[in-house]
Amino acid sequence: GVSAEAVTGAELRIAVVRMDVIQQEATVLKDLRSQRESYEKQLR
């Protein structure tokens, strides 16, 4: 049932995304980490 068709080099469009960088640089994730640190400070 496997097709013999495959993507050729001319058709293939690839991109790379660094999720670890997004976790460190995105504003919303910085804010979220700040909230967690605030609760951890209260706990300590």
All heavy atoms as atom14 arrays in JSON, in Angstrom:
{
  "sequence": "GVSAEAVTGAELRIAVVRMDVIQQEATVLKDLRSQRESYEKQLR",
  "atom14_mask": [
    [1, 1, 1, 1, 0, 0, 0, 0, 0, 0, 0, 0, 0, 0],
    [1, 1, 1, 1, 1, 1, 1, 0, 0, 0, 0, 0, 0, 0],
    [1, 1, 1, 1, 1, 1, 0, 0, 0, 0, 0, 0, 0, 0],
    [1, 1, 1, 1, 1, 0, 0, 0, 0, 0, 0, 0, 0, 0],
    [1, 1, 1, 1, 1, 1, 1, 1, 1, 0, 0, 0, 0, 0],
    [1, 1, 1, 1, 1, 0, 0, 0, 0, 0, 0, 0, 0, 0],
    [1, 1, 1, 1, 1, 1, 1, 0, 0, 0, 0, 0, 0, 0],
    [1, 1, 1, 1, 1, 1, 1, 0, 0, 0, 0, 0, 0, 0],
    [1, 1, 1, 1, 0, 0, 0, 0, 0, 0, 0, 0, 0, 0],
    [1, 1, 1, 1, 1, 0, 0, 0, 0, 0, 0, 0, 0, 0],
    [1, 1, 1, 1, 1, 1, 1, 1, 1, 0, 0, 0, 0, 0],
    [1, 1, 1, 1, 1, 1, 1, 1, 0, 0, 0, 0, 0, 0],
    [1, 1, 1, 1, 1, 1, 1, 1, 1, 1, 1, 0, 0, 0],
    [1, 1, 1, 1, 1, 1, 1, 1, 0, 0, 0, 0, 0, 0],
    [1, 1, 1, 1, 1, 0, 0, 0, 0, 0, 0, 0, 0, 0],
    [1, 1, 1, 1, 1, 1, 1, 0, 0, 0, 0, 0, 0, 0],
    [1, 1, 1, 1, 1, 1, 1, 0, 0, 0, 0, 0, 0, 0],
    [1, 1, 1, 1, 1, 1, 1, 1, 1, 1, 1, 0, 0, 0],
    [1, 1, 1, 1, 1, 1, 1, 1, 0, 0, 0, 0, 0, 0],
    [1, 1, 1, 1, 1, 1, 1, 1, 0, 0, 0, 0, 0, 0],
    [1, 1, 1, 1, 1, 1, 1, 0, 0, 0, 0, 0, 0, 0],
    [1, 1, 1, 1, 1, 1, 1, 1, 0, 0, 0, 0, 0, 0],
    [1, 1, 1, 1, 1, 1, 1, 1, 1, 0, 0, 0, 0, 0],
    [1, 1, 1, 1, 1, 1, 1, 1, 1, 0, 0, 0, 0, 0],
    [1, 1, 1, 1, 1, 1, 1, 1, 1, 0, 0, 0, 0, 0],
    [1, 1, 1, 1, 1, 0, 0, 0, 0, 0, 0, 0, 0, 0],
    [1, 1, 1, 1, 1, 1, 1, 0, 0, 0, 0, 0, 0, 0],
    [1, 1, 1, 1, 1, 1, 1, 0, 0, 0, 0, 0, 0, 0],
    [1, 1, 1, 1, 1, 1, 1, 1, 0, 0, 0, 0, 0, 0],
    [1, 1, 1, 1, 1, 1, 1, 1, 1, 0, 0, 0, 0, 0],
    [1, 1, 1, 1, 1, 1, 1, 1, 0, 0, 0, 0, 0, 0],
    [1, 1, 1, 1, 1, 1, 1, 1, 0, 0, 0, 0, 0, 0],
    [1, 1, 1, 1, 1, 1, 1, 1, 1, 1, 1, 0, 0, 0],
    [1, 1, 1, 1, 1, 1, 0, 0, 0, 0, 0, 0, 0, 0],
    [1, 1, 1, 1, 1, 1, 1, 1, 1, 0, 0, 0, 0, 0],
    [1, 1, 1, 1, 1, 1, 1, 1, 1, 1, 1, 0, 0, 0],
    [1, 1, 1, 1, 1, 1, 1, 1, 1, 0, 0, 0, 0, 0],
    [1, 1, 1, 1, 1, 1, 0, 0, 0, 0, 0, 0, 0, 0],
    [1, 1, 1, 1, 1, 1, 1, 1, 1, 1, 1, 1, 0, 0],
    [1, 1, 1, 1, 1, 1, 1, 1, 1, 0, 0, 0, 0, 0],
    [1, 1, 1, 1, 1, 1, 1, 1, 1, 0, 0, 0, 0, 0],
    [1, 1, 1, 1, 1, 1, 1, 1, 1, 0, 0, 0, 0, 0],
    [1, 1, 1, 1, 1, 1, 1, 1, 0, 0, 0, 0, 0, 0],
    [1, 1, 1, 1, 1, 1, 1, 1, 1, 1, 1, 0, 0, 0]
  ],
  "atom14_positions": [
    [[0.79, -1.23, 0.0], [0.0, 0.0, 0.0], [0.82, 1.27, 0.0], [0.28, 2.38, 0.0], [0.0, 0.0, 0.0], [0.0, 0.0, 0.0], [0.0, 0.0, 0.0], [0.0, 0.0, 0.0], [0.0, 0.0, 0.0], [0.0, 0.0, 0.0], [0.0, 0.0, 0.0], [0.0, 0.0, 0.0], [0.0, 0.0, 0.0], [0.0, 0.0, 0.0]],
    [[2.14, 1.14, -0.01], [3.02, 2.32, 0.0], [3.17, 2.87, -1.4], [3.47, 2.14, -2.34], [4.4, 1.96, 0.58], [5.33, 3.17, 0.55], [4.26, 1.43, 2.0], [0.0, 0.0, 0.0], [0.0, 0.0, 0.0], [0.0, 0.0, 0.0], [0.0, 0.0, 0.0], [0.0, 0.0, 0.0], [0.0, 0.0, 0.0], [0.0, 0.0, 0.0]],
    [[2.99, 4.18, -1.53], [3.13, 4.82, -2.83], [4.59, 4.94, -3.23], [5.48, 5.09, -2.4], [2.5, 6.22, -2.79], [2.8, 6.95, -3.95], [0.0, 0.0, 0.0], [0.0, 0.0, 0.0], [0.0, 0.0, 0.0], [0.0, 0.0, 0.0], [0.0, 0.0, 0.0], [0.0, 0.0, 0.0], [0.0, 0.0, 0.0], [0.0, 0.0, 0.0]],
    [[4.84, 4.88, -4.53], [6.2, 5.02, -5.05], [6.6, 6.49, -5.19], [7.75, 6.8, -5.47], [6.32, 4.31, -6.4], [0.0, 0.0, 0.0], [0.0, 0.0, 0.0], [0.0, 0.0, 0.0], [0.0, 0.0, 0.0], [0.0, 0.0, 0.0], [0.0, 0.0, 0.0], [0.0, 0.0, 0.0], [0.0, 0.0, 0.0], [0.0, 0.0, 0.0]],
    [[5.63, 7.39, -4.97], [5.91, 8.81, -5.12], [6.71, 9.34, -3.93], [6.53, 8.89, -2.8], [4.61, 9.59, -5.25], [3.8, 9.21, -6.5], [2.49, 9.96, -6.58], [2.22, 10.75, -5.64], [1.76, 9.77, -7.55], [0.0, 0.0, 0.0], [0.0, 0.0, 0.0], [0.0, 0.0, 0.0], [0.0, 0.0, 0.0], [0.0, 0.0, 0.0]],
    [[7.58, 10.32, -4.18], [8.38, 10.94, -3.12], [8.65, 12.4, -3.5], [8.58, 12.76, -4.68], [9.69, 10.19, -2.92], [0.0, 0.0, 0.0], [0.0, 0.0, 0.0], [0.0, 0.0, 0.0], [0.0, 0.0, 0.0], [0.0, 0.0, 0.0], [0.0, 0.0, 0.0], [0.0, 0.0, 0.0], [0.0, 0.0, 0.0], [0.0, 0.0, 0.0]],
    [[8.96, 13.18, -2.48], [9.25, 14.59, -2.72], [10.61, 14.73, -3.38], [11.58, 14.11, -2.96], [9.23, 15.38, -1.39], [9.58, 16.84, -1.63], [7.87, 15.27, -0.74], [0.0, 0.0, 0.0], [0.0, 0.0, 0.0], [0.0, 0.0, 0.0], [0.0, 0.0, 0.0], [0.0, 0.0, 0.0], [0.0, 0.0, 0.0], [0.0, 0.0, 0.0]],
    [[10.69, 15.57, -4.4], [11.97, 15.81, -5.05], [12.64, 17.03, -4.44], [12.0, 17.81, -3.72], [11.76, 16.06, -6.56], [10.99, 17.25, -6.73], [11.04, 14.89, -7.21], [0.0, 0.0, 0.0], [0.0, 0.0, 0.0], [0.0, 0.0, 0.0], [0.0, 0.0, 0.0], [0.0, 0.0, 0.0], [0.0, 0.0, 0.0], [0.0, 0.0, 0.0]],
    [[13.91, 17.18, -4.71], [14.66, 18.29, -4.13], [14.1, 19.65, -4.5], [14.1, 20.58, -3.7], [0.0, 0.0, 0.0], [0.0, 0.0, 0.0], [0.0, 0.0, 0.0], [0.0, 0.0, 0.0], [0.0, 0.0, 0.0], [0.0, 0.0, 0.0], [0.0, 0.0, 0.0], [0.0, 0.0, 0.0], [0.0, 0.0, 0.0], [0.0, 0.0, 0.0]],
    [[13.59, 19.78, -5.7], [13.05, 21.06, -6.15], [11.78, 21.44, -5.41], [11.47, 22.62, -5.23], [12.79, 21.01, -7.65], [0.0, 0.0, 0.0], [0.0, 0.0, 0.0], [0.0, 0.0, 0.0], [0.0, 0.0, 0.0], [0.0, 0.0, 0.0], [0.0, 0.0, 0.0], [0.0, 0.0, 0.0], [0.0, 0.0, 0.0], [0.0, 0.0, 0.0]],
    [[11.03, 20.43, -4.95], [9.75, 20.68, -4.29], [9.9, 20.84, -2.77], [9.04, 21.43, -2.13], [8.79, 19.51, -4.56], [8.44, 19.33, -6.02], [7.67, 18.05, -6.26], [7.79, 17.14, -5.41], [6.97, 17.96, -7.27], [0.0, 0.0, 0.0], [0.0, 0.0, 0.0], [0.0, 0.0, 0.0], [0.0, 0.0, 0.0], [0.0, 0.0, 0.0]],
    [[10.98, 20.33, -2.2], [11.14, 20.31, -0.76], [11.6, 21.67, -0.24], [12.63, 22.19, -0.63], [12.17, 19.24, -0.38], [12.32, 18.92, 1.11], [11.0, 18.41, 1.67], [13.41, 17.89, 1.32], [0.0, 0.0, 0.0], [0.0, 0.0, 0.0], [0.0, 0.0, 0.0], [0.0, 0.0, 0.0], [0.0, 0.0, 0.0], [0.0, 0.0, 0.0]],
    [[10.8, 22.23, 0.69], [11.12, 23.51, 1.33], [11.19, 23.29, 2.84], [10.18, 22.96, 3.46], [10.07, 24.57, 0.97], [10.06, 24.93, -0.52], [8.83, 25.77, -0.85], [8.86, 27.05, -0.18], [9.47, 28.15, -0.67], [10.1, 28.09, -1.83], [9.41, 29.29, -0.01], [0.0, 0.0, 0.0], [0.0, 0.0, 0.0], [0.0, 0.0, 0.0]],
    [[12.38, 23.48, 3.39], [12.63, 23.15, 4.79], [12.98, 24.39, 5.59], [13.61, 25.31, 5.07], [13.78, 22.13, 4.9], [13.45, 20.86, 4.11], [14.07, 21.78, 6.35], [14.58, 19.86, 4.07], [0.0, 0.0, 0.0], [0.0, 0.0, 0.0], [0.0, 0.0, 0.0], [0.0, 0.0, 0.0], [0.0, 0.0, 0.0], [0.0, 0.0, 0.0]],
    [[12.58, 24.4, 6.87], [12.95, 25.47, 7.79], [13.33, 24.87, 9.13], [12.92, 23.76, 9.47], [11.81, 26.47, 7.95], [0.0, 0.0, 0.0], [0.0, 0.0, 0.0], [0.0, 0.0, 0.0], [0.0, 0.0, 0.0], [0.0, 0.0, 0.0], [0.0, 0.0, 0.0], [0.0, 0.0, 0.0], [0.0, 0.0, 0.0], [0.0, 0.0, 0.0]],
    [[14.11, 25.62, 9.88], [14.56, 25.21, 11.2], [14.07, 26.2, 12.23], [14.12, 27.41, 12.0], [16.1, 25.12, 11.25], [16.59, 24.94, 12.67], [16.6, 23.99, 10.37], [0.0, 0.0, 0.0], [0.0, 0.0, 0.0], [0.0, 0.0, 0.0], [0.0, 0.0, 0.0], [0.0, 0.0, 0.0], [0.0, 0.0, 0.0], [0.0, 0.0, 0.0]],
    [[13.56, 25.7, 13.37], [13.13, 26.59, 14.45], [13.74, 26.09, 15.76], [13.66, 24.91, 16.08], [11.58, 26.67, 14.55], [10.97, 25.31, 14.81], [11.16, 27.66, 15.61], [0.0, 0.0, 0.0], [0.0, 0.0, 0.0], [0.0, 0.0, 0.0], [0.0, 0.0, 0.0], [0.0, 0.0, 0.0], [0.0, 0.0, 0.0], [0.0, 0.0, 0.0]],
    [[14.36, 27.0, 16.5], [14.99, 26.66, 17.77], [14.0, 26.91, 18.91], [13.83, 28.03, 19.37], [16.25, 27.51, 17.97], [17.4, 27.19, 17.03], [18.09, 25.89, 17.42], [18.58, 25.94, 18.79], [19.77, 26.39, 19.13], [20.6, 26.85, 18.22], [20.16, 26.39, 20.4], [0.0, 0.0, 0.0], [0.0, 0.0, 0.0], [0.0, 0.0, 0.0]],
    [[13.37, 25.84, 19.37], [12.37, 25.98, 20.43], [12.99, 26.43, 21.74], [12.36, 27.14, 22.53], [11.65, 24.64, 20.63], [10.88, 24.15, 19.41], [9.67, 25.34, 18.78], [8.55, 25.45, 20.17], [0.0, 0.0, 0.0], [0.0, 0.0, 0.0], [0.0, 0.0, 0.0], [0.0, 0.0, 0.0], [0.0, 0.0, 0.0], [0.0, 0.0, 0.0]],
    [[14.25, 26.04, 21.99], [14.9, 26.46, 23.22], [15.13, 27.97, 23.24], [15.01, 28.62, 24.29], [16.22, 25.73, 23.4], [17.16, 25.87, 22.21], [16.66, 26.02, 21.07], [18.38, 25.84, 22.4], [0.0, 0.0, 0.0], [0.0, 0.0, 0.0], [0.0, 0.0, 0.0], [0.0, 0.0, 0.0], [0.0, 0.0, 0.0], [0.0, 0.0, 0.0]],
    [[15.43, 28.54, 22.07], [15.61, 30.0, 21.97], [14.29, 30.72, 22.19], [14.22, 31.74, 22.89], [16.22, 30.38, 20.6], [16.26, 31.89, 20.44], [17.61, 29.79, 20.45], [0.0, 0.0, 0.0], [0.0, 0.0, 0.0], [0.0, 0.0, 0.0], [0.0, 0.0, 0.0], [0.0, 0.0, 0.0], [0.0, 0.0, 0.0], [0.0, 0.0, 0.0]],
    [[13.22, 30.19, 21.6], [11.9, 30.79, 21.77], [11.51, 30.77, 23.25], [10.96, 31.75, 23.77], [10.84, 30.04, 20.92], [11.13, 30.24, 19.44], [9.43, 30.5, 21.26], [10.25, 29.42, 18.52], [0.0, 0.0, 0.0], [0.0, 0.0, 0.0], [0.0, 0.0, 0.0], [0.0, 0.0, 0.0], [0.0, 0.0, 0.0], [0.0, 0.0, 0.0]],
    [[11.78, 29.68, 23.94], [11.45, 29.58, 25.37], [12.18, 30.64, 26.19], [11.66, 31.14, 27.18], [11.82, 28.18, 25.88], [10.91, 27.08, 25.37], [11.4, 25.69, 25.73], [12.41, 25.55, 26.43], [10.7, 24.67, 25.27], [0.0, 0.0, 0.0], [0.0, 0.0, 0.0], [0.0, 0.0, 0.0], [0.0, 0.0, 0.0], [0.0, 0.0, 0.0]],
    [[13.39, 30.99, 25.76], [14.18, 31.99, 26.49], [13.85, 33.42, 26.09], [13.92, 34.34, 26.91], [15.68, 31.73, 26.26], [16.19, 30.44, 26.87], [16.06, 30.42, 28.39], [16.28, 31.42, 29.06], [15.67, 29.27, 28.93], [0.0, 0.0, 0.0], [0.0, 0.0, 0.0], [0.0, 0.0, 0.0], [0.0, 0.0, 0.0], [0.0, 0.0, 0.0]],
    [[13.48, 33.63, 24.82], [13.35, 34.99, 24.3], [11.91, 35.51, 24.19], [11.69, 36.72, 24.21], [14.0, 35.08, 22.91], [15.5, 34.74, 22.92], [16.3, 35.71, 23.76], [15.9, 36.89, 23.87], [17.33, 35.29, 24.33], [0.0, 0.0, 0.0], [0.0, 0.0, 0.0], [0.0, 0.0, 0.0], [0.0, 0.0, 0.0], [0.0, 0.0, 0.0]],
    [[10.93, 34.64, 24.07], [9.54, 35.1, 23.9], [9.07, 35.84, 25.15], [9.26, 35.37, 26.27], [8.63, 33.9, 23.61], [0.0, 0.0, 0.0], [0.0, 0.0, 0.0], [0.0, 0.0, 0.0], [0.0, 0.0, 0.0], [0.0, 0.0, 0.0], [0.0, 0.0, 0.0], [0.0, 0.0, 0.0], [0.0, 0.0, 0.0], [0.0, 0.0, 0.0]],
    [[8.45, 36.99, 24.95], [8.01, 37.84, 26.07], [7.05, 37.13, 27.0], [7.17, 37.21, 28.22], [7.35, 39.12, 25.52], [8.26, 39.79, 24.66], [6.95, 40.05, 26.65], [0.0, 0.0, 0.0], [0.0, 0.0, 0.0], [0.0, 0.0, 0.0], [0.0, 0.0, 0.0], [0.0, 0.0, 0.0], [0.0, 0.0, 0.0], [0.0, 0.0, 0.0]],
    [[6.09, 36.42, 26.44], [5.08, 35.74, 27.26], [5.71, 34.65, 28.12], [5.27, 34.43, 29.26], [3.96, 35.15, 26.37], [4.48, 34.05, 25.45], [2.81, 34.64, 27.22], [0.0, 0.0, 0.0], [0.0, 0.0, 0.0], [0.0, 0.0, 0.0], [0.0, 0.0, 0.0], [0.0, 0.0, 0.0], [0.0, 0.0, 0.0], [0.0, 0.0, 0.0]],
    [[6.73, 33.99, 27.61], [7.38, 32.92, 28.38], [8.3, 33.5, 29.45], [8.44, 32.9, 30.53], [8.14, 32.01, 27.44], [7.24, 31.23, 26.46], [8.06, 30.42, 25.47], [6.27, 30.33, 27.21], [0.0, 0.0, 0.0], [0.0, 0.0, 0.0], [0.0, 0.0, 0.0], [0.0, 0.0, 0.0], [0.0, 0.0, 0.0], [0.0, 0.0, 0.0]],
    [[8.9, 34.64, 29.18], [9.67, 35.32, 30.22], [8.75, 35.73, 31.38], [9.09, 35.57, 32.55], [10.35, 36.57, 29.65], [11.51, 36.29, 28.71], [12.09, 37.61, 28.21], [13.26, 37.39, 27.27], [13.82, 38.67, 26.77], [0.0, 0.0, 0.0], [0.0, 0.0, 0.0], [0.0, 0.0, 0.0], [0.0, 0.0, 0.0], [0.0, 0.0, 0.0]],
    [[7.58, 36.27, 31.01], [6.61, 36.69, 32.03], [6.12, 35.49, 32.84], [5.97, 35.58, 34.06], [5.42, 37.38, 31.35], [4.35, 37.79, 32.34], [4.6, 38.71, 33.14], [3.26, 37.18, 32.3], [0.0, 0.0, 0.0], [0.0, 0.0, 0.0], [0.0, 0.0, 0.0], [0.0, 0.0, 0.0], [0.0, 0.0, 0.0], [0.0, 0.0, 0.0]],
    [[5.91, 34.37, 32.17], [5.42, 33.17, 32.85], [6.48, 32.64, 33.84], [6.14, 32.26, 34.97], [5.08, 32.09, 31.81], [4.31, 30.87, 32.32], [2.98, 31.28, 32.92], [4.11, 29.86, 31.19], [0.0, 0.0, 0.0], [0.0, 0.0, 0.0], [0.0, 0.0, 0.0], [0.0, 0.0, 0.0], [0.0, 0.0, 0.0], [0.0, 0.0, 0.0]],
    [[7.72, 32.64, 33.43], [8.79, 32.21, 34.34], [8.89, 33.15, 35.54], [9.16, 32.7, 36.67], [10.13, 32.16, 33.6], [10.26, 30.99, 32.64], [11.7, 30.75, 32.26], [12.3, 31.92, 31.63], [12.21, 32.21, 30.34], [11.54, 31.39, 29.53], [12.79, 33.28, 29.84], [0.0, 0.0, 0.0], [0.0, 0.0, 0.0], [0.0, 0.0, 0.0]],
    [[8.67, 34.43, 35.31], [8.71, 35.4, 36.4], [7.61, 35.12, 37.43], [7.84, 35.23, 38.64], [8.56, 36.82, 35.84], [8.55, 37.77, 36.88], [0.0, 0.0, 0.0], [0.0, 0.0, 0.0], [0.0, 0.0, 0.0], [0.0, 0.0, 0.0], [0.0, 0.0, 0.0], [0.0, 0.0, 0.0], [0.0, 0.0, 0.0], [0.0, 0.0, 0.0]],
    [[6.43, 34.73, 36.94], [5.32, 34.39, 37.85], [5.68, 33.16, 38.68], [5.43, 33.12, 39.89], [4.06, 34.12, 37.04], [3.48, 35.34, 36.33], [2.25, 34.98, 35.53], [1.28, 34.45, 36.05], [2.27, 35.26, 34.23], [0.0, 0.0, 0.0], [0.0, 0.0, 0.0], [0.0, 0.0, 0.0], [0.0, 0.0, 0.0], [0.0, 0.0, 0.0]],
    [[6.25, 32.16, 38.03], [6.63, 30.95, 38.76], [7.67, 31.27, 39.82], [7.58, 30.78, 40.96], [7.18, 29.89, 37.8], [7.59, 28.6, 38.52], [8.05, 27.52, 37.56], [9.26, 27.91, 36.85], [9.91, 27.11, 35.98], [9.44, 25.9, 35.74], [10.99, 27.52, 35.37], [0.0, 0.0, 0.0], [0.0, 0.0, 0.0], [0.0, 0.0, 0.0]],
    [[8.66, 32.07, 39.48], [9.71, 32.44, 40.43], [9.13, 33.21, 41.62], [9.61, 33.05, 42.75], [10.77, 33.28, 39.73], [11.63, 32.48, 38.75], [12.48, 33.36, 37.86], [12.44, 34.61, 38.05], [13.18, 32.83, 36.98], [0.0, 0.0, 0.0], [0.0, 0.0, 0.0], [0.0, 0.0, 0.0], [0.0, 0.0, 0.0], [0.0, 0.0, 0.0]],
    [[8.08, 34.0, 41.39], [7.44, 34.76, 42.47], [6.79, 33.8, 43.47], [6.92, 33.97, 44.7], [6.39, 35.71, 41.9], [5.7, 36.37, 42.93], [0.0, 0.0, 0.0], [0.0, 0.0, 0.0], [0.0, 0.0, 0.0], [0.0, 0.0, 0.0], [0.0, 0.0, 0.0], [0.0, 0.0, 0.0], [0.0, 0.0, 0.0], [0.0, 0.0, 0.0]],
    [[6.09, 32.79, 42.95], [5.46, 31.8, 43.84], [6.53, 30.98, 44.57], [6.37, 30.65, 45.76], [4.56, 30.86, 43.04], [3.23, 31.48, 42.67], [2.87, 31.68, 41.34], [2.31, 31.85, 43.66], [1.65, 32.25, 41.0], [1.08, 32.42, 43.32], [0.76, 32.62, 42.0], [-0.46, 33.18, 41.66], [0.0, 0.0, 0.0], [0.0, 0.0, 0.0]],
    [[7.61, 30.65, 43.89], [8.68, 29.89, 44.54], [9.34, 30.71, 45.65], [9.73, 30.17, 46.69], [9.72, 29.48, 43.49], [9.22, 28.39, 42.54], [10.18, 28.1, 41.41], [11.08, 28.94, 41.16], [10.04, 27.05, 40.77], [0.0, 0.0, 0.0], [0.0, 0.0, 0.0], [0.0, 0.0, 0.0], [0.0, 0.0, 0.0], [0.0, 0.0, 0.0]],
    [[9.44, 32.01, 45.43], [10.0, 32.9, 46.46], [9.09, 32.92, 47.69], [9.57, 32.89, 48.84], [10.16, 34.31, 45.89], [10.84, 35.28, 46.83], [11.04, 36.64, 46.18], [11.71, 37.62, 47.14], [11.9, 38.96, 46.5], [0.0, 0.0, 0.0], [0.0, 0.0, 0.0], [0.0, 0.0, 0.0], [0.0, 0.0, 0.0], [0.0, 0.0, 0.0]],
    [[7.77, 32.99, 47.46], [6.82, 32.94, 48.57], [6.94, 31.63, 49.34], [6.86, 31.61, 50.57], [5.4, 33.1, 48.04], [5.08, 34.46, 47.45], [3.64, 34.52, 46.94], [2.7, 34.14, 47.64], [3.46, 34.98, 45.72], [0.0, 0.0, 0.0], [0.0, 0.0, 0.0], [0.0, 0.0, 0.0], [0.0, 0.0, 0.0], [0.0, 0.0, 0.0]],
    [[7.14, 30.56, 48.6], [7.26, 29.25, 49.23], [8.52, 29.18, 50.09], [8.48, 28.65, 51.21], [7.29, 28.16, 48.15], [7.23, 26.7, 48.63], [5.96, 26.44, 49.42], [7.35, 25.74, 47.46], [0.0, 0.0, 0.0], [0.0, 0.0, 0.0], [0.0, 0.0, 0.0], [0.0, 0.0, 0.0], [0.0, 0.0, 0.0], [0.0, 0.0, 0.0]],
    [[9.62, 29.7, 49.59], [10.86, 29.7, 50.37], [10.72, 30.56, 51.63], [11.2, 30.19, 52.7], [12.02, 30.23, 49.52], [12.51, 29.23, 48.47], [13.84, 29.66, 47.89], [13.74, 30.94, 47.19], [13.44, 31.07, 45.9], [13.22, 29.99, 45.16], [13.39, 32.25, 45.35], [0.0, 0.0, 0.0], [0.0, 0.0, 0.0], [0.0, 0.0, 0.0]]
  ]
}
